[in-house]
Amino acid sequence: MVKNLHILLVLIGLGAIFYALTSDFESSDALSPVAEQYATQGPDEVGAANLVTAVVVTYRGLDTLGEVTILFLSAAIVAFFLKVTNGNGGKRIFRPVSEILQTAAKVLTPAIFLLGIYVFINGHLTPGGGFQGGAIVASGLVLMLLARPDMKISHTVIHVVESISGFAFVFIGILGIFYAGGFLDNSLISLGTFGTLLSAGAIPMIYIFVGLKVGAELSNIVGHLQESQNEA
């Protein structure tokens, strides 16, 4: 009875919060001054058909650097707390996996990796980008681990990919300071023809390295979770 009363009070509280948030909401028919500038000047300034990408990679590139740093720190903290020592001993017993899941993983995993790569390569043209593509790549690794719980993940390879992509991302950003208009300024490279794969200057390169870094960091987290959990 008391438990149900608590649930009822929580639901009433959530209802009151949502009502307060939505009762005074009025949609706007006009863009803010900043959004207006992005929408009108963005295609000419950065040459990206996907303006969301232009905002994330160039107009607020420092924010993106901060987000990637936070993700890196999160992966490092997870690795620290979930590290497996030799002192644990004992042979791990893994749960049985159905043949259907194993077969599906063999078929779908390459397609998932390919989709992730496609998403971050075309981030300047279509919805998506480095963060989304990297997450898709990591989801392919999750499927592989579900199908093969005993699979060993090479953290060395992950760390190499993560380090190279992170260094390249920052290096391109710094080059923008010296050879363009500022940090992560994509005009470092010719903007090319609007709407084509080779367009938007350095944005495709930046998003490729962001995608690799995000994919490596999320894969690192998944790998440590897989090594530390008890499958039995």
C-alpha atoms as a PDB file:
ATOM      1  CA  MET A   1       0.000   0.000   0.000  1.00  0.00           C
ATOM      2  CA  VAL A   2       2.771   2.422   0.982  1.00  0.00           C
ATOM      3  CA  LYS A   3       4.723   1.484  -2.148  1.00  0.00           C
ATOM      4  CA  ASN A   4       1.729   2.186  -4.368  1.00  0.00           C
ATOM      5  CA  LEU A   5       1.206   5.518  -2.621  1.00  0.00           C
ATOM      6  CA  HIS A   6       4.807   6.483  -3.325  1.00  0.00           C
ATOM      7  CA  ILE A   7       4.417   5.518  -6.992  1.00  0.00           C
ATOM      8  CA  LEU A   8       1.232   7.601  -7.199  1.00  0.00           C
ATOM      9  CA  LEU A   9       2.975  10.624  -5.655  1.00  0.00           C
ATOM     10  CA  VAL A  10       5.903  10.291  -8.086  1.00  0.00           C
ATOM     11  CA  LEU A  11       3.535  10.102 -11.051  1.00  0.00           C
ATOM     12  CA  ILE A  12       1.613  13.155  -9.826  1.00  0.00           C
ATOM     13  CA  GLY A  13       4.892  15.046  -9.380  1.00  0.00           C
ATOM     14  CA  LEU A  14       6.105  14.119 -12.868  1.00  0.00           C
ATOM     15  CA  GLY A  15       2.726  15.127 -14.304  1.00  0.00           C
ATOM     16  CA  ALA A  16       2.963  18.516 -12.582  1.00  0.00           C
ATOM     17  CA  ILE A  17       6.492  19.045 -13.941  1.00  0.00           C
ATOM     18  CA  PHE A  18       5.504  18.182 -17.518  1.00  0.00           C
ATOM     19  CA  TYR A  19       2.423  20.392 -17.284  1.00  0.00           C
ATOM     20  CA  ALA A  20       4.508  23.334 -16.090  1.00  0.00           C
ATOM     21  CA  LEU A  21       6.961  22.773 -18.946  1.00  0.00           C
ATOM     22  CA  THR A  22       4.352  22.488 -21.685  1.00  0.00           C
ATOM     23  CA  SER A  23       1.536  24.801 -20.561  1.00  0.00           C
ATOM     24  CA  ASP A  24       3.418  28.020 -21.417  1.00  0.00           C
ATOM     25  CA  PHE A  25       5.191  26.672 -24.486  1.00  0.00           C
ATOM     26  CA  GLU A  26       4.724  28.652 -27.669  1.00  0.00           C
ATOM     27  CA  SER A  27       6.368  27.615 -30.906  1.00  0.00           C
ATOM     28  CA  SER A  28       8.439  30.205 -32.696  1.00  0.00           C
ATOM     29  CA  ASP A  29       7.991  30.901 -36.377  1.00  0.00           C
ATOM     30  CA  ALA A  30      11.290  32.761 -36.714  1.00  0.00           C
ATOM     31  CA  LEU A  31      14.898  31.729 -36.184  1.00  0.00           C
ATOM     32  CA  SER A  32      17.082  33.353 -33.569  1.00  0.00           C
ATOM     33  CA  PRO A  33      19.746  35.770 -34.895  1.00  0.00           C
ATOM     34  CA  VAL A  34      22.490  33.167 -34.489  1.00  0.00           C
ATOM     35  CA  ALA A  35      20.441  30.422 -36.150  1.00  0.00           C
ATOM     36  CA  GLU A  36      19.487  32.847 -38.918  1.00  0.00           C
ATOM     37  CA  GLN A  37      23.151  33.486 -39.646  1.00  0.00           C
ATOM     38  CA  TYR A  38      23.956  29.775 -39.673  1.00  0.00           C
ATOM     39  CA  ALA A  39      21.050  29.048 -42.023  1.00  0.00           C
ATOM     40  CA  THR A  40      21.757  31.876 -44.463  1.00  0.00           C
ATOM     41  CA  GLN A  41      25.546  32.109 -44.369  1.00  0.00           C
ATOM     42  CA  GLY A  42      26.442  28.485 -43.547  1.00  0.00           C
ATOM     43  CA  PRO A  43      26.393  27.013 -47.078  1.00  0.00           C
ATOM     44  CA  ASP A  44      28.682  29.753 -48.408  1.00  0.00           C
ATOM     45  CA  GLU A  45      30.984  29.886 -45.376  1.00  0.00           C
ATOM     46  CA  VAL A  46      31.567  26.175 -44.761  1.00  0.00           C
ATOM     47  CA  GLY A  47      30.117  24.468 -47.861  1.00  0.00           C
ATOM     48  CA  ALA A  48      28.346  21.737 -45.862  1.00  0.00           C
ATOM     49  CA  ALA A  49      24.895  20.569 -46.998  1.00  0.00           C
ATOM     50  CA  ASN A  50      24.237  19.342 -43.438  1.00  0.00           C
ATOM     51  CA  LEU A  51      24.286  22.540 -41.373  1.00  0.00           C
ATOM     52  CA  VAL A  52      24.134  20.591 -38.107  1.00  0.00           C
ATOM     53  CA  THR A  53      27.540  19.180 -38.991  1.00  0.00           C
ATOM     54  CA  ALA A  54      28.823  22.658 -39.825  1.00  0.00           C
ATOM     55  CA  VAL A  55      27.744  23.917 -36.400  1.00  0.00           C
ATOM     56  CA  VAL A  56      29.181  20.936 -34.519  1.00  0.00           C
ATOM     57  CA  VAL A  57      32.531  20.763 -36.344  1.00  0.00           C
ATOM     58  CA  THR A  58      33.333  24.381 -37.168  1.00  0.00           C
ATOM     59  CA  TYR A  59      31.146  27.042 -35.534  1.00  0.00           C
ATOM     60  CA  ARG A  60      31.414  25.366 -32.127  1.00  0.00           C
ATOM     61  CA  GLY A  61      34.387  23.107 -32.722  1.00  0.00           C
ATOM     62  CA  LEU A  62      35.819  23.738 -29.249  1.00  0.00           C
ATOM     63  CA  ASP A  63      32.634  22.312 -27.734  1.00  0.00           C
ATOM     64  CA  THR A  64      33.129  19.192 -29.833  1.00  0.00           C
ATOM     65  CA  LEU A  65      36.694  18.902 -28.559  1.00  0.00           C
ATOM     66  CA  GLY A  66      35.340  19.126 -25.005  1.00  0.00           C
ATOM     67  CA  GLU A  67      32.756  16.415 -25.704  1.00  0.00           C
ATOM     68  CA  VAL A  68      35.383  14.081 -27.146  1.00  0.00           C
ATOM     69  CA  THR A  69      37.586  14.736 -24.104  1.00  0.00           C
ATOM     70  CA  ILE A  70      34.726  13.908 -21.736  1.00  0.00           C
ATOM     71  CA  LEU A  71      34.101  10.663 -23.627  1.00  0.00           C
ATOM     72  CA  PHE A  72      37.803   9.805 -23.402  1.00  0.00           C
ATOM     73  CA  LEU A  73      37.837  10.431 -19.648  1.00  0.00           C
ATOM     74  CA  SER A  74      34.697   8.308 -19.237  1.00  0.00           C
ATOM     75  CA  ALA A  75      36.321   5.423 -21.111  1.00  0.00           C
ATOM     76  CA  ALA A  76      39.498   5.768 -19.028  1.00  0.00           C
ATOM     77  CA  ILE A  77      37.543   5.772 -15.753  1.00  0.00           C
ATOM     78  CA  VAL A  78      35.535   2.702 -16.782  1.00  0.00           C
ATOM     79  CA  ALA A  79      38.772   0.945 -17.745  1.00  0.00           C
ATOM     80  CA  PHE A  80      40.286   1.824 -14.374  1.00  0.00           C
ATOM     81  CA  PHE A  81      37.426   0.528 -12.271  1.00  0.00           C
ATOM     82  CA  LEU A  82      36.729  -2.560 -14.400  1.00  0.00           C
ATOM     83  CA  LYS A  83      40.300  -3.678 -14.947  1.00  0.00           C
ATOM     84  CA  VAL A  84      40.807  -7.406 -14.476  1.00  0.00           C
ATOM     85  CA  THR A  85      43.893  -8.501 -12.564  1.00  0.00           C
ATOM     86  CA  ASN A  86      45.664 -11.828 -12.760  1.00  0.00           C
ATOM     87  CA  GLY A  87      44.877 -12.354  -9.119  1.00  0.00           C
ATOM     88  CA  ASN A  88      41.222 -13.010  -9.839  1.00  0.00           C
ATOM     89  CA  GLY A  89      42.048 -16.576 -10.917  1.00  0.00           C
ATOM     90  CA  GLY A  90      39.541 -19.179 -11.973  1.00  0.00           C
ATOM     91  CA  LYS A  91      38.338 -20.085 -15.422  1.00  0.00           C
ATOM     92  CA  ARG A  92      35.425 -18.078 -16.703  1.00  0.00           C
ATOM     93  CA  ILE A  93      32.297 -19.954 -17.737  1.00  0.00           C
ATOM     94  CA  PHE A  94      30.415 -18.384 -20.622  1.00  0.00           C
ATOM     95  CA  ARG A  95      26.726 -18.623 -21.304  1.00  0.00           C
ATOM     96  CA  PRO A  96      25.604 -20.757 -24.264  1.00  0.00           C
ATOM     97  CA  VAL A  97      24.885 -18.860 -27.485  1.00  0.00           C
ATOM     98  CA  SER A  98      22.327 -19.924 -30.054  1.00  0.00           C
ATOM     99  CA  GLU A  99      23.398 -20.752 -33.593  1.00  0.00           C
ATOM    100  CA  ILE A 100      20.906 -18.204 -34.882  1.00  0.00           C
ATOM    101  CA  LEU A 101      22.667 -15.384 -33.009  1.00  0.00           C
ATOM    102  CA  GLN A 102      26.096 -16.556 -34.138  1.00  0.00           C
ATOM    103  CA  THR A 103      24.996 -16.738 -37.786  1.00  0.00           C
ATOM    104  CA  ALA A 104      23.226 -13.374 -37.600  1.00  0.00           C
ATOM    105  CA  ALA A 105      26.335 -11.767 -36.113  1.00  0.00           C
ATOM    106  CA  LYS A 106      28.507 -13.064 -38.957  1.00  0.00           C
ATOM    107  CA  VAL A 107      26.121 -11.585 -41.520  1.00  0.00           C
ATOM    108  CA  LEU A 108      25.205  -8.333 -39.800  1.00  0.00           C
ATOM    109  CA  THR A 109      28.471  -7.243 -38.163  1.00  0.00           C
ATOM    110  CA  PRO A 110      30.283  -6.329 -41.416  1.00  0.00           C
ATOM    111  CA  ALA A 111      27.175  -4.452 -42.574  1.00  0.00           C
ATOM    112  CA  ILE A 112      27.006  -2.545 -39.252  1.00  0.00           C
ATOM    113  CA  PHE A 113      30.669  -1.555 -39.490  1.00  0.00           C
ATOM    114  CA  LEU A 114      30.155  -0.447 -43.096  1.00  0.00           C
ATOM    115  CA  LEU A 115      27.082   1.595 -42.110  1.00  0.00           C
ATOM    116  CA  GLY A 116      29.030   3.315 -39.316  1.00  0.00           C
ATOM    117  CA  ILE A 117      31.829   4.223 -41.704  1.00  0.00           C
ATOM    118  CA  TYR A 118      29.297   5.487 -44.249  1.00  0.00           C
ATOM    119  CA  VAL A 119      27.594   7.661 -41.617  1.00  0.00           C
ATOM    120  CA  PHE A 120      30.713   9.498 -40.497  1.00  0.00           C
ATOM    121  CA  ILE A 121      32.168   9.842 -44.009  1.00  0.00           C
ATOM    122  CA  ASN A 122      28.914  11.435 -45.242  1.00  0.00           C
ATOM    123  CA  GLY A 123      28.296  13.470 -42.090  1.00  0.00           C
ATOM    124  CA  HIS A 124      28.615  16.760 -43.987  1.00  0.00           C
ATOM    125  CA  LEU A 125      25.928  15.698 -46.498  1.00  0.00           C
ATOM    126  CA  THR A 126      23.307  13.749 -44.553  1.00  0.00           C
ATOM    127  CA  PRO A 127      22.057  13.486 -40.953  1.00  0.00           C
ATOM    128  CA  GLY A 128      24.693  11.757 -38.871  1.00  0.00           C
ATOM    129  CA  GLY A 129      28.389  12.308 -38.348  1.00  0.00           C
ATOM    130  CA  GLY A 130      31.345  11.257 -36.260  1.00  0.00           C
ATOM    131  CA  PHE A 131      29.550  10.630 -32.974  1.00  0.00           C
ATOM    132  CA  GLN A 132      26.709   8.680 -34.574  1.00  0.00           C
ATOM    133  CA  GLY A 133      28.984   6.697 -36.891  1.00  0.00           C
ATOM    134  CA  GLY A 134      31.337   5.823 -34.041  1.00  0.00           C
ATOM    135  CA  ALA A 135      28.429   4.611 -31.910  1.00  0.00           C
ATOM    136  CA  ILE A 136      27.211   2.410 -34.791  1.00  0.00           C
ATOM    137  CA  VAL A 137      30.677   0.868 -35.162  1.00  0.00           C
ATOM    138  CA  ALA A 138      30.759   0.129 -31.424  1.00  0.00           C
ATOM    139  CA  SER A 139      27.296  -1.474 -31.650  1.00  0.00           C
ATOM    140  CA  GLY A 140      28.780  -3.918 -34.178  1.00  0.00           C
ATOM    141  CA  LEU A 141      31.345  -4.914 -31.560  1.00  0.00           C
ATOM    142  CA  VAL A 142      28.540  -5.437 -29.038  1.00  0.00           C
ATOM    143  CA  LEU A 143      26.823  -7.827 -31.447  1.00  0.00           C
ATOM    144  CA  MET A 144      30.081  -9.740 -31.911  1.00  0.00           C
ATOM    145  CA  LEU A 145      30.473 -10.100 -28.145  1.00  0.00           C
ATOM    146  CA  LEU A 146      26.897 -11.285 -27.770  1.00  0.00           C
ATOM    147  CA  ALA A 147      27.537 -13.981 -30.350  1.00  0.00           C
ATOM    148  CA  ARG A 148      31.015 -14.846 -29.045  1.00  0.00           C
ATOM    149  CA  PRO A 149      31.296 -14.032 -25.314  1.00  0.00           C
ATOM    150  CA  ASP A 150      34.763 -15.623 -25.163  1.00  0.00           C
ATOM    151  CA  MET A 151      36.183 -13.348 -27.870  1.00  0.00           C
ATOM    152  CA  LYS A 152      39.332 -11.461 -26.903  1.00  0.00           C
ATOM    153  CA  ILE A 153      39.449  -7.765 -27.704  1.00  0.00           C
ATOM    154  CA  SER A 154      42.810  -6.181 -28.471  1.00  0.00           C
ATOM    155  CA  HIS A 155      42.974  -3.094 -26.305  1.00  0.00           C
ATOM    156  CA  THR A 156      46.316  -2.259 -27.885  1.00  0.00           C
ATOM    157  CA  VAL A 157      44.697  -1.808 -31.299  1.00  0.00           C
ATOM    158  CA  ILE A 158      41.876   0.231 -29.761  1.00  0.00           C
ATOM    159  CA  HIS A 159      44.329   2.495 -27.948  1.00  0.00           C
ATOM    160  CA  VAL A 160      46.378   3.020 -31.126  1.00  0.00           C
ATOM    161  CA  VAL A 161      43.279   3.987 -33.154  1.00  0.00           C
ATOM    162  CA  GLU A 162      42.066   6.221 -30.331  1.00  0.00           C
ATOM    163  CA  SER A 163      45.426   7.980 -29.948  1.00  0.00           C
ATOM    164  CA  ILE A 164      46.020   8.540 -33.672  1.00  0.00           C
ATOM    165  CA  SER A 165      42.484   9.814 -34.322  1.00  0.00           C
ATOM    166  CA  GLY A 166      42.578  12.117 -31.293  1.00  0.00           C
ATOM    167  CA  PHE A 167      45.947  13.555 -32.269  1.00  0.00           C
ATOM    168  CA  ALA A 168      44.833  14.043 -35.903  1.00  0.00           C
ATOM    169  CA  PHE A 169      41.622  15.791 -34.777  1.00  0.00           C
ATOM    170  CA  VAL A 170      43.520  18.311 -32.643  1.00  0.00           C
ATOM    171  CA  PHE A 171      46.281  18.678 -35.258  1.00  0.00           C
ATOM    172  CA  ILE A 172      43.764  19.642 -37.981  1.00  0.00           C
ATOM    173  CA  GLY A 173      42.184  22.087 -35.552  1.00  0.00           C
ATOM    174  CA  ILE A 174      45.537  23.762 -34.862  1.00  0.00           C
ATOM    175  CA  LEU A 175      46.347  23.925 -38.574  1.00  0.00           C
ATOM    176  CA  GLY A 176      43.152  25.944 -38.948  1.00  0.00           C
ATOM    177  CA  ILE A 177      44.607  28.584 -36.612  1.00  0.00           C
ATOM    178  CA  PHE A 178      47.701  29.053 -38.771  1.00  0.00           C
ATOM    179  CA  TYR A 179      46.330  28.531 -42.279  1.00  0.00           C
ATOM    180  CA  ALA A 180      42.640  29.523 -41.998  1.00  0.00           C
ATOM    181  CA  GLY A 181      40.418  31.598 -39.741  1.00  0.00           C
ATOM    182  CA  GLY A 182      40.740  29.766 -36.437  1.00  0.00           C
ATOM    183  CA  PHE A 183      40.670  26.446 -34.590  1.00  0.00           C
ATOM    184  CA  LEU A 184      38.929  23.747 -36.665  1.00  0.00           C
ATOM    185  CA  ASP A 185      38.249  26.228 -39.468  1.00  0.00           C
ATOM    186  CA  ASN A 186      37.320  23.912 -42.340  1.00  0.00           C
ATOM    187  CA  SER A 187      38.418  26.373 -45.036  1.00  0.00           C
ATOM    188  CA  LEU A 188      41.875  24.959 -44.412  1.00  0.00           C
ATOM    189  CA  ILE A 189      41.071  22.861 -47.500  1.00  0.00           C
ATOM    190  CA  SER A 190      39.138  23.979 -50.579  1.00  0.00           C
ATOM    191  CA  LEU A 191      35.365  23.842 -49.970  1.00  0.00           C
ATOM    192  CA  GLY A 192      34.881  21.983 -53.264  1.00  0.00           C
ATOM    193  CA  THR A 193      31.508  21.632 -54.952  1.00  0.00           C
ATOM    194  CA  PHE A 194      28.548  22.060 -52.596  1.00  0.00           C
ATOM    195  CA  GLY A 195      26.615  18.839 -51.960  1.00  0.00           C
ATOM    196  CA  THR A 196      29.316  16.437 -53.166  1.00  0.00           C
ATOM    197  CA  LEU A 197      31.388  13.958 -51.152  1.00  0.00           C
ATOM    198  CA  LEU A 198      34.552  16.022 -51.627  1.00  0.00           C
ATOM    199  CA  SER A 199      33.140  19.259 -50.250  1.00  0.00           C
ATOM    200  CA  ALA A 200      32.936  21.259 -47.008  1.00  0.00           C
ATOM    201  CA  GLY A 201      36.721  21.607 -46.742  1.00  0.00           C
ATOM    202  CA  ALA A 202      38.239  19.728 -43.836  1.00  0.00           C
ATOM    203  CA  ILE A 203      34.910  18.687 -42.290  1.00  0.00           C
ATOM    204  CA  PRO A 204      34.908  15.146 -43.780  1.00  0.00           C
ATOM    205  CA  MET A 205      38.442  14.526 -42.465  1.00  0.00           C
ATOM    206  CA  ILE A 206      37.537  15.894 -39.040  1.00  0.00           C
ATOM    207  CA  TYR A 207      34.431  13.736 -38.812  1.00  0.00           C
ATOM    208  CA  ILE A 208      36.339  10.612 -39.904  1.00  0.00           C
ATOM    209  CA  PHE A 209      38.774  11.058 -37.021  1.00  0.00           C
ATOM    210  CA  VAL A 210      35.947  11.905 -34.606  1.00  0.00           C
ATOM    211  CA  GLY A 211      34.100   8.760 -35.723  1.00  0.00           C
ATOM    212  CA  LEU A 212      37.182   6.595 -35.243  1.00  0.00           C
ATOM    213  CA  LYS A 213      37.861   8.104 -31.824  1.00  0.00           C
ATOM    214  CA  VAL A 214      34.281   7.731 -30.593  1.00  0.00           C
ATOM    215  CA  GLY A 215      34.081   4.187 -31.957  1.00  0.00           C
ATOM    216  CA  ALA A 216      37.378   3.247 -30.275  1.00  0.00           C
ATOM    217  CA  GLU A 217      36.409   4.767 -26.918  1.00  0.00           C
ATOM    218  CA  LEU A 218      32.989   3.124 -26.821  1.00  0.00           C
ATOM    219  CA  SER A 219      34.543  -0.181 -27.917  1.00  0.00           C
ATOM    220  CA  ASN A 220      37.061   0.169 -25.095  1.00  0.00           C
ATOM    221  CA  ILE A 221      34.227   0.551 -22.584  1.00  0.00           C
ATOM    222  CA  VAL A 222      32.383  -2.451 -24.024  1.00  0.00           C
ATOM    223  CA  GLY A 223      35.574  -4.503 -23.981  1.00  0.00           C
ATOM    224  CA  HIS A 224      36.250  -3.836 -20.306  1.00  0.00           C
ATOM    225  CA  LEU A 225      32.638  -4.596 -19.409  1.00  0.00           C
ATOM    226  CA  GLN A 226      32.910  -7.892 -21.292  1.00  0.00           C
ATOM    227  CA  GLU A 227      36.125  -8.840 -19.473  1.00  0.00           C
ATOM    228  CA  SER A 228      34.936  -7.956 -16.006  1.00  0.00           C
ATOM    229  CA  GLN A 229      31.419  -9.357 -15.970  1.00  0.00           C
ATOM    230  CA  ASN A 230      30.572 -12.882 -14.893  1.00  0.00           C
ATOM    231  CA  GLU A 231      28.796 -14.742 -17.684  1.00  0.00           C
ATOM    232  CA  ALA A 232      27.883 -17.725 -15.569  1.00  0.00           C
END
